[in-house]
Amino acid sequence: RPPSTLASRPTGHLIYQCGGIDKRTIEKFEKEAAELGKGSFKYAWVLDKLKAERERGITIDIALWKFETPRYYVTVIDAPGHRDFI
């Protein structure tokens, strides 16, 4: 399994579940990912923005995402885990 699926996908899903990104955007990512044969990567694409990240299924660049819940301010930082990008 590519490293991106180990961190970016569940993190993107958490951001979505907490209201940090809207359903319409996730549906857009799902459609675009399906066109590349990577439909299950829709949540990873919340954090993986670069074309190369999406094509290769790995995090290349650091991503920062901020959102609020009724009780918390949340900051998520996604960093590469692949040895070529550490």
N, C-alpha and C. Protein backbone atom coordinates (compact mmCIF):
# COMPACT_ATOMS: atom_id res chain seq x y z
N ARG A 1 0.85 -1.19 0.00
CA ARG A 1 0.00 0.00 0.00
C ARG A 1 0.89 1.24 0.00
N PRO A 2 0.60 2.21 -0.88
CA PRO A 2 1.43 3.42 -0.90
C PRO A 2 1.35 4.16 0.43
N PRO A 3 2.44 4.83 0.82
CA PRO A 3 2.45 5.56 2.10
C PRO A 3 1.31 6.55 2.25
N SER A 4 0.88 7.19 1.16
CA SER A 4 -0.20 8.18 1.26
C SER A 4 -1.47 7.57 1.82
N THR A 5 -1.72 6.31 1.49
CA THR A 5 -2.94 5.69 1.98
C THR A 5 -2.86 5.41 3.47
N LEU A 6 -1.66 5.42 4.02
CA LEU A 6 -1.49 5.12 5.44
C LEU A 6 -1.73 6.33 6.33
N ALA A 7 -1.58 7.53 5.80
CA ALA A 7 -1.75 8.73 6.64
C ALA A 7 -2.72 9.73 6.03
N SER A 8 -2.52 10.09 4.79
CA SER A 8 -3.35 11.14 4.18
C SER A 8 -4.81 10.75 4.07
N ARG A 9 -5.08 9.50 3.72
CA ARG A 9 -6.47 9.09 3.53
C ARG A 9 -7.27 9.13 4.83
N PRO A 10 -6.82 8.49 5.90
CA PRO A 10 -7.60 8.59 7.15
C PRO A 10 -7.63 10.01 7.71
N THR A 11 -6.58 10.77 7.50
CA THR A 11 -6.56 12.15 7.99
C THR A 11 -7.56 13.00 7.21
N GLY A 12 -7.60 12.83 5.90
CA GLY A 12 -8.58 13.54 5.09
C GLY A 12 -10.00 13.16 5.46
N HIS A 13 -10.21 11.89 5.78
CA HIS A 13 -11.54 11.44 6.20
C HIS A 13 -11.92 12.08 7.53
N LEU A 14 -10.97 12.16 8.45
CA LEU A 14 -11.21 12.81 9.74
C LEU A 14 -11.59 14.28 9.54
N ILE A 15 -10.86 14.97 8.68
CA ILE A 15 -11.16 16.38 8.39
C ILE A 15 -12.59 16.50 7.86
N TYR A 16 -12.97 15.61 6.97
CA TYR A 16 -14.33 15.62 6.42
C TYR A 16 -15.37 15.35 7.51
N GLN A 17 -15.15 14.32 8.31
CA GLN A 17 -16.10 13.95 9.36
C GLN A 17 -16.28 15.06 10.40
N CYS A 18 -15.24 15.84 10.61
CA CYS A 18 -15.30 16.94 11.59
C CYS A 18 -15.82 18.23 10.97
N GLY A 19 -16.18 18.20 9.71
CA GLY A 19 -16.73 19.39 9.06
C GLY A 19 -15.70 20.33 8.49
N GLY A 20 -14.46 19.87 8.36
CA GLY A 20 -13.39 20.73 7.86
C GLY A 20 -13.38 20.90 6.35
N ILE A 21 -14.16 20.09 5.64
CA ILE A 21 -14.27 20.19 4.19
C ILE A 21 -15.68 19.74 3.81
N ASP A 22 -16.25 20.37 2.80
CA ASP A 22 -17.65 20.07 2.48
C ASP A 22 -17.80 18.84 1.59
N LYS A 23 -19.00 18.29 1.60
CA LYS A 23 -19.31 17.07 0.86
C LYS A 23 -19.12 17.26 -0.65
N ARG A 24 -19.46 18.42 -1.15
CA ARG A 24 -19.32 18.68 -2.59
C ARG A 24 -17.87 18.56 -3.05
N THR A 25 -16.96 19.06 -2.23
CA THR A 25 -15.53 18.97 -2.57
C THR A 25 -15.08 17.52 -2.56
N ILE A 26 -15.53 16.75 -1.57
CA ILE A 26 -15.17 15.33 -1.50
C ILE A 26 -15.72 14.60 -2.73
N GLU A 27 -16.94 14.92 -3.12
CA GLU A 27 -17.53 14.28 -4.31
C GLU A 27 -16.73 14.62 -5.56
N LYS A 28 -16.23 15.85 -5.64
CA LYS A 28 -15.38 16.26 -6.77
C LYS A 28 -14.09 15.44 -6.77
N PHE A 29 -13.46 15.32 -5.59
CA PHE A 29 -12.23 14.52 -5.48
C PHE A 29 -12.50 13.07 -5.86
N GLU A 30 -13.65 12.54 -5.43
CA GLU A 30 -13.99 11.15 -5.72
C GLU A 30 -14.10 10.93 -7.23
N LYS A 31 -14.76 11.85 -7.92
CA LYS A 31 -14.91 11.74 -9.37
C LYS A 31 -13.55 11.81 -10.06
N GLU A 32 -12.74 12.79 -9.67
CA GLU A 32 -11.41 12.95 -10.29
C GLU A 32 -10.52 11.74 -10.00
N ALA A 33 -10.58 11.24 -8.77
CA ALA A 33 -9.77 10.07 -8.40
C ALA A 33 -10.22 8.84 -9.19
N ALA A 34 -11.53 8.67 -9.35
CA ALA A 34 -12.06 7.53 -10.09
C ALA A 34 -11.59 7.56 -11.55
N GLU A 35 -11.49 8.76 -12.11
CA GLU A 35 -11.03 8.90 -13.49
C GLU A 35 -9.59 8.42 -13.65
N LEU A 36 -8.82 8.48 -12.56
CA LEU A 36 -7.43 7.99 -12.58
C LEU A 36 -7.32 6.56 -12.05
N GLY A 37 -8.48 5.94 -11.77
CA GLY A 37 -8.47 4.58 -11.23
C GLY A 37 -8.09 4.53 -9.77
N LYS A 38 -8.27 5.66 -9.04
CA LYS A 38 -7.88 5.74 -7.64
C LYS A 38 -9.03 6.27 -6.80
N GLY A 39 -10.23 5.75 -7.03
CA GLY A 39 -11.42 6.24 -6.34
C GLY A 39 -11.32 6.25 -4.84
N SER A 40 -10.60 5.30 -4.27
CA SER A 40 -10.48 5.24 -2.81
C SER A 40 -9.57 6.32 -2.24
N PHE A 41 -8.92 7.09 -3.10
CA PHE A 41 -7.99 8.12 -2.64
C PHE A 41 -8.66 9.47 -2.42
N LYS A 42 -9.98 9.54 -2.53
CA LYS A 42 -10.67 10.83 -2.44
C LYS A 42 -10.33 11.59 -1.17
N TYR A 43 -10.19 10.91 -0.05
CA TYR A 43 -9.87 11.60 1.20
C TYR A 43 -8.40 12.00 1.26
N ALA A 44 -7.52 11.21 0.67
CA ALA A 44 -6.10 11.57 0.63
C ALA A 44 -5.92 12.89 -0.12
N TRP A 45 -6.78 13.14 -1.10
CA TRP A 45 -6.65 14.35 -1.92
C TRP A 45 -7.01 15.61 -1.17
N VAL A 46 -7.60 15.49 0.01
CA VAL A 46 -7.82 16.67 0.85
C VAL A 46 -6.46 17.30 1.16
N LEU A 47 -5.46 16.47 1.41
CA LEU A 47 -4.13 16.95 1.78
C LEU A 47 -3.13 16.87 0.63
N ASP A 48 -3.26 15.89 -0.23
CA ASP A 48 -2.32 15.72 -1.34
C ASP A 48 -2.82 16.53 -2.53
N LYS A 49 -2.26 17.71 -2.72
CA LYS A 49 -2.74 18.65 -3.74
C LYS A 49 -1.96 18.58 -5.06
N LEU A 50 -0.69 18.23 -4.99
CA LEU A 50 0.13 18.22 -6.20
C LEU A 50 -0.29 17.11 -7.15
N LYS A 51 -0.21 17.39 -8.44
CA LYS A 51 -0.54 16.39 -9.45
C LYS A 51 0.30 15.13 -9.26
N ALA A 52 1.59 15.30 -9.00
CA ALA A 52 2.48 14.15 -8.81
C ALA A 52 2.08 13.33 -7.59
N GLU A 53 1.62 13.99 -6.52
CA GLU A 53 1.17 13.27 -5.33
C GLU A 53 -0.04 12.41 -5.66
N ARG A 54 -0.95 12.98 -6.39
CA ARG A 54 -2.19 12.27 -6.73
C ARG A 54 -1.93 11.13 -7.70
N GLU A 55 -1.04 11.32 -8.64
CA GLU A 55 -0.73 10.27 -9.60
C GLU A 55 0.04 9.12 -8.96
N ARG A 56 0.98 9.46 -8.08
CA ARG A 56 1.85 8.44 -7.48
C ARG A 56 1.30 7.86 -6.18
N GLY A 57 0.33 8.55 -5.57
CA GLY A 57 -0.25 8.05 -4.32
C GLY A 57 0.66 8.22 -3.13
N ILE A 58 1.54 9.23 -3.17
CA ILE A 58 2.43 9.50 -2.05
C ILE A 58 2.44 11.00 -1.75
N THR A 59 2.74 11.33 -0.51
CA THR A 59 2.87 12.73 -0.12
C THR A 59 4.28 13.19 -0.45
N ILE A 60 4.39 14.27 -1.20
CA ILE A 60 5.68 14.82 -1.60
C ILE A 60 5.97 16.11 -0.86
N ASP A 61 4.95 16.94 -0.67
CA ASP A 61 5.12 18.25 -0.04
C ASP A 61 4.33 18.31 1.26
N ILE A 62 4.77 19.15 2.16
CA ILE A 62 4.06 19.35 3.42
C ILE A 62 2.74 20.06 3.15
N ALA A 63 1.69 19.60 3.83
CA ALA A 63 0.37 20.24 3.70
C ALA A 63 -0.12 20.64 5.09
N LEU A 64 -0.78 21.77 5.15
CA LEU A 64 -1.33 22.29 6.40
C LEU A 64 -2.82 22.50 6.20
N TRP A 65 -3.63 22.04 7.15
CA TRP A 65 -5.08 22.20 7.05
C TRP A 65 -5.59 22.63 8.41
N LYS A 66 -6.37 23.71 8.44
CA LYS A 66 -6.95 24.21 9.69
C LYS A 66 -8.47 24.18 9.58
N PHE A 67 -9.11 23.79 10.69
CA PHE A 67 -10.57 23.85 10.75
C PHE A 67 -10.99 23.92 12.21
N GLU A 68 -12.26 24.23 12.42
CA GLU A 68 -12.80 24.34 13.77
C GLU A 68 -13.94 23.35 13.96
N THR A 69 -14.03 22.81 15.16
CA THR A 69 -15.20 22.06 15.58
C THR A 69 -15.89 22.94 16.62
N PRO A 70 -17.06 22.56 17.11
CA PRO A 70 -17.69 23.38 18.14
C PRO A 70 -16.83 23.57 19.39
N ARG A 71 -15.89 22.64 19.62
CA ARG A 71 -15.08 22.73 20.84
C ARG A 71 -13.60 23.01 20.61
N TYR A 72 -13.11 22.78 19.40
CA TYR A 72 -11.66 22.85 19.20
C TYR A 72 -11.29 23.60 17.92
N TYR A 73 -10.09 24.18 17.94
CA TYR A 73 -9.41 24.64 16.74
C TYR A 73 -8.41 23.55 16.40
N VAL A 74 -8.44 23.06 15.18
CA VAL A 74 -7.60 21.93 14.80
C VAL A 74 -6.66 22.35 13.67
N THR A 75 -5.39 21.99 13.81
CA THR A 75 -4.41 22.17 12.75
C THR A 75 -3.82 20.81 12.43
N VAL A 76 -3.90 20.42 11.18
CA VAL A 76 -3.35 19.14 10.73
C VAL A 76 -2.16 19.45 9.83
N ILE A 77 -1.06 18.78 10.08
CA ILE A 77 0.13 18.91 9.23
C ILE A 77 0.44 17.53 8.67
N ASP A 78 0.50 17.43 7.36
CA ASP A 78 0.81 16.17 6.68
C ASP A 78 2.18 16.34 6.05
N ALA A 79 3.10 15.48 6.43
CA ALA A 79 4.46 15.55 5.91
C ALA A 79 4.80 14.25 5.17
N PRO A 80 5.71 14.32 4.22
CA PRO A 80 6.09 13.11 3.48
C PRO A 80 6.62 12.03 4.41
N GLY A 81 6.28 10.79 4.09
CA GLY A 81 6.82 9.65 4.82
C GLY A 81 7.73 8.81 3.93
N HIS A 82 7.67 9.07 2.63
CA HIS A 82 8.49 8.32 1.68
C HIS A 82 9.94 8.78 1.81
N ARG A 83 10.85 7.85 1.86
CA ARG A 83 12.26 8.18 2.10
C ARG A 83 12.87 9.14 1.09
N ASP A 84 12.34 9.17 -0.13
CA ASP A 84 12.87 10.09 -1.14
C ASP A 84 12.52 11.55 -0.86
N PHE A 85 11.54 11.79 0.04
CA PHE A 85 11.07 13.15 0.26
C PHE A 85 11.22 13.62 1.70
N ILE A 86 11.84 12.82 2.53
CA ILE A 86 12.03 13.21 3.94
C ILE A 86 13.20 14.17 4.05
